Amino acid sequence: MTRQDGPKGFEMKEAETPAEAGPLSFANLVLSFSASALVHLGVAPHPDEKGEQPGEPNIPMAQQAIEILEMLKAKMQGNLDPDEERLLAEVLHDLHLRFVKAKDASS
């Protein structure tokens, strides 16, 4: 299991079968885009590569994943339950901080 210091230190493990991936939910969608952003920010290792070391940051791809989450937040406003709103807000806050740090480091 790979630990990622994302919102609340959520942990991700690779599912062996689609059934093990869990039910489809808004939270899983948010965490999927968050994981993608963390990989592109150079925080988490790429799932297709061997080893536990993160790769080099890819700022444009990280920005795209964050912007997709921002779009979801805008489009879903008023349609999320409080837990979903809180998760999305915490994920975006964390990713924005990491994005600024990664962008500053790459300059």
Protein backbone atom coordinates (compact mmCIF):
# COMPACT_ATOMS: atom_id res chain seq x y z
CA MET A 1 0.00 0.00 0.00
CA THR A 2 1.39 3.41 -0.95
CA ARG A 3 0.94 6.18 1.58
CA GLN A 4 0.44 9.63 0.17
CA ASP A 5 0.45 12.68 2.34
CA GLY A 6 -2.68 14.06 0.74
CA PRO A 7 -5.88 15.08 2.47
CA LYS A 8 -6.02 13.33 5.84
CA GLY A 9 -3.10 11.14 4.65
CA PHE A 10 -5.37 8.96 2.55
CA GLU A 11 -3.91 5.68 1.44
CA MET A 12 -4.26 4.04 -1.93
CA LYS A 13 -3.66 0.49 -2.99
CA GLU A 14 -3.83 -1.00 -6.41
CA ALA A 15 -6.97 -3.07 -6.98
CA GLU A 16 -6.43 -6.50 -8.45
CA THR A 17 -9.86 -6.61 -10.11
CA PRO A 18 -12.47 -3.95 -10.93
CA ALA A 19 -14.66 -5.29 -8.11
CA GLU A 20 -11.87 -4.57 -5.61
CA ALA A 21 -11.69 -0.97 -6.75
CA GLY A 22 -14.80 -0.23 -4.72
CA PRO A 23 -18.11 1.24 -5.69
CA LEU A 24 -18.28 4.12 -8.09
CA SER A 25 -18.83 7.30 -6.14
CA PHE A 26 -18.17 11.00 -6.27
CA ALA A 27 -15.52 10.57 -3.56
CA ASN A 28 -13.69 7.98 -5.66
CA LEU A 29 -13.77 10.31 -8.65
CA VAL A 30 -12.31 13.15 -6.58
CA LEU A 31 -9.61 10.89 -5.13
CA SER A 32 -8.76 9.59 -8.60
CA PHE A 33 -8.10 13.09 -9.95
CA SER A 34 -6.27 13.95 -6.73
CA ALA A 35 -4.01 10.92 -7.13
CA SER A 36 -3.32 11.93 -10.73
CA ALA A 37 -2.39 15.44 -9.62
CA LEU A 38 -0.11 14.07 -6.88
CA VAL A 39 1.70 11.89 -9.41
CA HIS A 40 2.15 14.86 -11.77
CA LEU A 41 3.30 17.08 -8.91
CA GLY A 42 6.07 14.58 -8.19
CA VAL A 43 4.64 13.67 -4.78
CA ALA A 44 3.46 10.12 -5.49
CA PRO A 45 5.08 7.43 -7.62
CA HIS A 46 3.56 6.68 -11.02
CA PRO A 47 1.46 3.50 -10.74
CA ASP A 48 2.92 2.03 -13.96
CA GLU A 49 6.52 2.38 -12.86
CA LYS A 50 8.38 0.05 -10.54
CA GLY A 51 9.56 1.42 -7.22
CA GLU A 52 8.31 3.84 -4.65
CA GLN A 53 10.07 6.98 -5.83
CA PRO A 54 8.01 9.81 -7.32
CA GLY A 55 8.90 11.01 -10.78
CA GLU A 56 9.72 14.48 -11.98
CA PRO A 57 6.90 17.02 -11.69
CA ASN A 58 4.80 17.68 -14.78
CA ILE A 59 3.27 21.04 -13.87
CA PRO A 60 0.90 21.37 -16.88
CA MET A 61 -0.60 17.91 -16.27
CA ALA A 62 -0.95 18.59 -12.54
CA GLN A 63 -2.65 21.88 -13.34
CA GLN A 64 -5.09 20.11 -15.66
CA ALA A 65 -6.10 17.58 -12.97
CA ILE A 66 -6.61 20.41 -10.46
CA GLU A 67 -8.64 22.42 -12.96
CA ILE A 68 -10.89 19.41 -13.59
CA LEU A 69 -11.58 19.22 -9.85
CA GLU A 70 -12.30 22.97 -9.82
CA MET A 71 -14.73 22.49 -12.71
CA LEU A 72 -16.46 19.65 -10.83
CA LYS A 73 -16.74 21.87 -7.77
CA ALA A 74 -18.38 24.64 -9.79
CA LYS A 75 -20.73 22.32 -11.70
CA MET A 76 -21.76 20.30 -8.63
CA GLN A 77 -22.35 23.27 -6.33
CA GLY A 78 -25.57 22.71 -4.40
CA ASN A 79 -25.72 19.04 -5.43
CA LEU A 80 -23.21 17.50 -3.02
CA ASP A 81 -23.76 16.22 0.47
CA PRO A 82 -21.68 17.85 3.25
CA ASP A 83 -19.09 15.05 3.29
CA GLU A 84 -18.56 15.32 -0.47
CA GLU A 85 -18.23 19.12 -0.26
CA ARG A 86 -15.72 18.83 2.58
CA LEU A 87 -13.66 16.19 0.75
CA LEU A 88 -13.53 18.26 -2.43
CA ALA A 89 -12.60 21.43 -0.52
CA GLU A 90 -9.85 19.66 1.45
CA VAL A 91 -8.43 17.97 -1.65
CA LEU A 92 -8.38 21.22 -3.60
CA HIS A 93 -6.81 23.14 -0.73
CA ASP A 94 -4.06 20.54 -0.38
CA LEU A 95 -3.44 20.36 -4.13
CA HIS A 96 -3.30 24.15 -4.49
CA LEU A 97 -0.62 24.36 -1.78
CA ARG A 98 1.39 21.54 -3.36
CA PHE A 99 0.99 23.07 -6.84
CA VAL A 100 2.41 26.43 -5.72
CA LYS A 101 5.31 24.67 -3.99
CA ALA A 102 6.07 22.51 -7.04
CA LYS A 103 5.77 25.44 -9.43
CA ASP A 104 8.12 27.56 -7.30
CA ALA A 105 10.62 24.70 -7.11
CA SER A 106 10.60 24.26 -10.89
CA SER A 107 11.26 27.96 -11.56
